[in-house]
Amino acid sequence: MGNLESEAPGLLSVRVREGLCGHHLLFPVDEIRAAFASPGAALTKEQASQLGEALVVIAREPISAARDTIEALPAALRSALIRLYFRLLDRAARERPEIH
């Protein structure tokens, strides 16, 4: 499997690279904090499908469309998406080669 930072589909690789630099352009800071303030609940199949659809928009569409899609999600799904986004960033950070 390739490097997530460079091989993620479409614009997702751009969003990941920006996120690795500390630029989390998709989410307001207060929502990021709130998403990690309490553990998330398990998602239903329908919620997981909605989350997947939002990821497709994030990967394919300009930032404004991605933000609109995220904003339209219920609060619990926005929090789940934020936690997923940061798991992706964590994975991408671990895949980066170490610089000595």
C-alpha atoms as a PDB file:
ATOM      1  CA  MET A   1       0.000   0.000   0.000  1.00  0.00           C
ATOM      2  CA  GLY A   2       1.231   3.472  -0.857  1.00  0.00           C
ATOM      3  CA  ASN A   3       1.808   6.540   1.228  1.00  0.00           C
ATOM      4  CA  LEU A   4      -1.490   8.160   2.290  1.00  0.00           C
ATOM      5  CA  GLU A   5      -0.083  11.667   2.099  1.00  0.00           C
ATOM      6  CA  SER A   6       0.788  11.366  -1.572  1.00  0.00           C
ATOM      7  CA  GLU A   7      -1.544   8.654  -2.844  1.00  0.00           C
ATOM      8  CA  ALA A   8      -4.884   9.482  -1.249  1.00  0.00           C
ATOM      9  CA  PRO A   9      -7.518   9.975  -3.942  1.00  0.00           C
ATOM     10  CA  GLY A  10      -8.166  13.377  -5.434  1.00  0.00           C
ATOM     11  CA  LEU A  11      -7.989  16.349  -3.130  1.00  0.00           C
ATOM     12  CA  LEU A  12      -7.768  14.182  -0.019  1.00  0.00           C
ATOM     13  CA  SER A  13      -3.987  14.042  -0.382  1.00  0.00           C
ATOM     14  CA  VAL A  14      -3.943  17.861  -0.445  1.00  0.00           C
ATOM     15  CA  ARG A  15      -6.134  18.019   2.667  1.00  0.00           C
ATOM     16  CA  VAL A  16      -3.862  15.490   4.416  1.00  0.00           C
ATOM     17  CA  ARG A  17      -0.697  17.426   3.519  1.00  0.00           C
ATOM     18  CA  GLU A  18      -2.250  20.649   4.809  1.00  0.00           C
ATOM     19  CA  GLY A  19      -3.389  18.885   7.965  1.00  0.00           C
ATOM     20  CA  LEU A  20       0.093  17.539   8.586  1.00  0.00           C
ATOM     21  CA  CYS A  21       1.280  21.151   8.515  1.00  0.00           C
ATOM     22  CA  GLY A  22      -1.331  22.054  11.156  1.00  0.00           C
ATOM     23  CA  HIS A  23      -3.769  23.661   8.718  1.00  0.00           C
ATOM     24  CA  HIS A  24      -7.133  22.025   9.390  1.00  0.00           C
ATOM     25  CA  LEU A  25      -9.136  23.947   6.819  1.00  0.00           C
ATOM     26  CA  LEU A  26     -12.217  21.748   6.891  1.00  0.00           C
ATOM     27  CA  PHE A  27     -13.162  22.186  10.538  1.00  0.00           C
ATOM     28  CA  PRO A  28     -13.518  25.065  13.000  1.00  0.00           C
ATOM     29  CA  VAL A  29     -11.139  24.802  15.955  1.00  0.00           C
ATOM     30  CA  ASP A  30     -13.986  24.710  18.481  1.00  0.00           C
ATOM     31  CA  GLU A  31     -15.531  21.699  16.713  1.00  0.00           C
ATOM     32  CA  ILE A  32     -12.185  19.900  16.698  1.00  0.00           C
ATOM     33  CA  ARG A  33     -11.881  20.416  20.457  1.00  0.00           C
ATOM     34  CA  ALA A  34     -15.480  19.315  21.032  1.00  0.00           C
ATOM     35  CA  ALA A  35     -14.994  16.172  18.930  1.00  0.00           C
ATOM     36  CA  PHE A  36     -12.240  14.997  21.262  1.00  0.00           C
ATOM     37  CA  ALA A  37     -13.903  16.128  24.494  1.00  0.00           C
ATOM     38  CA  SER A  38     -15.863  12.902  24.751  1.00  0.00           C
ATOM     39  CA  PRO A  39     -15.658   9.490  23.131  1.00  0.00           C
ATOM     40  CA  GLY A  40     -17.769   8.951  20.056  1.00  0.00           C
ATOM     41  CA  ALA A  41     -20.555   6.418  19.874  1.00  0.00           C
ATOM     42  CA  ALA A  42     -20.583   3.563  17.383  1.00  0.00           C
ATOM     43  CA  LEU A  43     -22.088   4.527  14.050  1.00  0.00           C
ATOM     44  CA  THR A  44     -25.069   2.871  12.446  1.00  0.00           C
ATOM     45  CA  LYS A  45     -24.760   1.534   8.925  1.00  0.00           C
ATOM     46  CA  GLU A  46     -26.647   4.578   7.623  1.00  0.00           C
ATOM     47  CA  GLN A  47     -24.371   6.980   9.513  1.00  0.00           C
ATOM     48  CA  ALA A  48     -21.270   5.205   8.212  1.00  0.00           C
ATOM     49  CA  SER A  49     -22.661   5.557   4.695  1.00  0.00           C
ATOM     50  CA  GLN A  50     -23.222   9.309   5.232  1.00  0.00           C
ATOM     51  CA  LEU A  51     -19.668   9.604   6.519  1.00  0.00           C
ATOM     52  CA  GLY A  52     -18.373   7.803   3.431  1.00  0.00           C
ATOM     53  CA  GLU A  53     -20.334  10.137   1.167  1.00  0.00           C
ATOM     54  CA  ALA A  54     -18.846  13.143   2.964  1.00  0.00           C
ATOM     55  CA  LEU A  55     -15.342  11.708   2.469  1.00  0.00           C
ATOM     56  CA  VAL A  56     -16.003  11.392  -1.257  1.00  0.00           C
ATOM     57  CA  VAL A  57     -16.958  15.082  -1.390  1.00  0.00           C
ATOM     58  CA  ILE A  58     -13.844  15.995   0.642  1.00  0.00           C
ATOM     59  CA  ALA A  59     -11.705  14.021  -1.814  1.00  0.00           C
ATOM     60  CA  ARG A  60     -13.307  15.337  -5.000  1.00  0.00           C
ATOM     61  CA  GLU A  61     -14.711  18.797  -4.485  1.00  0.00           C
ATOM     62  CA  PRO A  62     -13.283  22.250  -3.766  1.00  0.00           C
ATOM     63  CA  ILE A  63     -12.876  23.250  -0.131  1.00  0.00           C
ATOM     64  CA  SER A  64     -16.084  25.316  -0.129  1.00  0.00           C
ATOM     65  CA  ALA A  65     -18.195  22.320  -1.206  1.00  0.00           C
ATOM     66  CA  ALA A  66     -16.409  20.101   1.315  1.00  0.00           C
ATOM     67  CA  ARG A  67     -17.135  22.570   4.113  1.00  0.00           C
ATOM     68  CA  ASP A  68     -20.793  22.868   3.075  1.00  0.00           C
ATOM     69  CA  THR A  69     -21.139  19.085   3.111  1.00  0.00           C
ATOM     70  CA  ILE A  70     -19.522  18.846   6.526  1.00  0.00           C
ATOM     71  CA  GLU A  71     -21.676  21.643   7.911  1.00  0.00           C
ATOM     72  CA  ALA A  72     -24.825  19.850   6.716  1.00  0.00           C
ATOM     73  CA  LEU A  73     -23.953  16.723   8.742  1.00  0.00           C
ATOM     74  CA  PRO A  74     -25.535  16.234  12.155  1.00  0.00           C
ATOM     75  CA  ALA A  75     -23.200  17.219  15.012  1.00  0.00           C
ATOM     76  CA  ALA A  76     -22.451  13.601  15.982  1.00  0.00           C
ATOM     77  CA  LEU A  77     -21.367  12.777  12.429  1.00  0.00           C
ATOM     78  CA  ARG A  78     -19.246  15.912  12.156  1.00  0.00           C
ATOM     79  CA  SER A  79     -17.469  14.810  15.332  1.00  0.00           C
ATOM     80  CA  ALA A  80     -17.000  11.302  13.940  1.00  0.00           C
ATOM     81  CA  LEU A  81     -15.607  12.782  10.712  1.00  0.00           C
ATOM     82  CA  ILE A  82     -13.185  14.957  12.657  1.00  0.00           C
ATOM     83  CA  ARG A  83     -11.926  11.971  14.638  1.00  0.00           C
ATOM     84  CA  LEU A  84     -11.549   9.986  11.390  1.00  0.00           C
ATOM     85  CA  TYR A  85      -9.688  12.874   9.752  1.00  0.00           C
ATOM     86  CA  PHE A  86      -7.217  13.002  12.640  1.00  0.00           C
ATOM     87  CA  ARG A  87      -6.731   9.215  12.486  1.00  0.00           C
ATOM     88  CA  LEU A  88      -5.874   9.653   8.798  1.00  0.00           C
ATOM     89  CA  LEU A  89      -3.408  12.402   9.717  1.00  0.00           C
ATOM     90  CA  ASP A  90      -1.857  10.179  12.376  1.00  0.00           C
ATOM     91  CA  ARG A  91      -1.421   7.380   9.859  1.00  0.00           C
ATOM     92  CA  ALA A  92       0.064   9.745   7.278  1.00  0.00           C
ATOM     93  CA  ALA A  93       2.469  11.141   9.880  1.00  0.00           C
ATOM     94  CA  ARG A  94       3.649   7.623  10.771  1.00  0.00           C
ATOM     95  CA  GLU A  95       4.209   6.854   7.077  1.00  0.00           C
ATOM     96  CA  ARG A  96       6.460   9.859   6.577  1.00  0.00           C
ATOM     97  CA  PRO A  97      10.117   8.973   6.369  1.00  0.00           C
ATOM     98  CA  GLU A  98      12.183  10.020   9.351  1.00  0.00           C
ATOM     99  CA  ILE A  99      14.609  12.839   8.673  1.00  0.00           C
ATOM    100  CA  HIS A 100      17.916  12.560  10.467  1.00  0.00           C
END
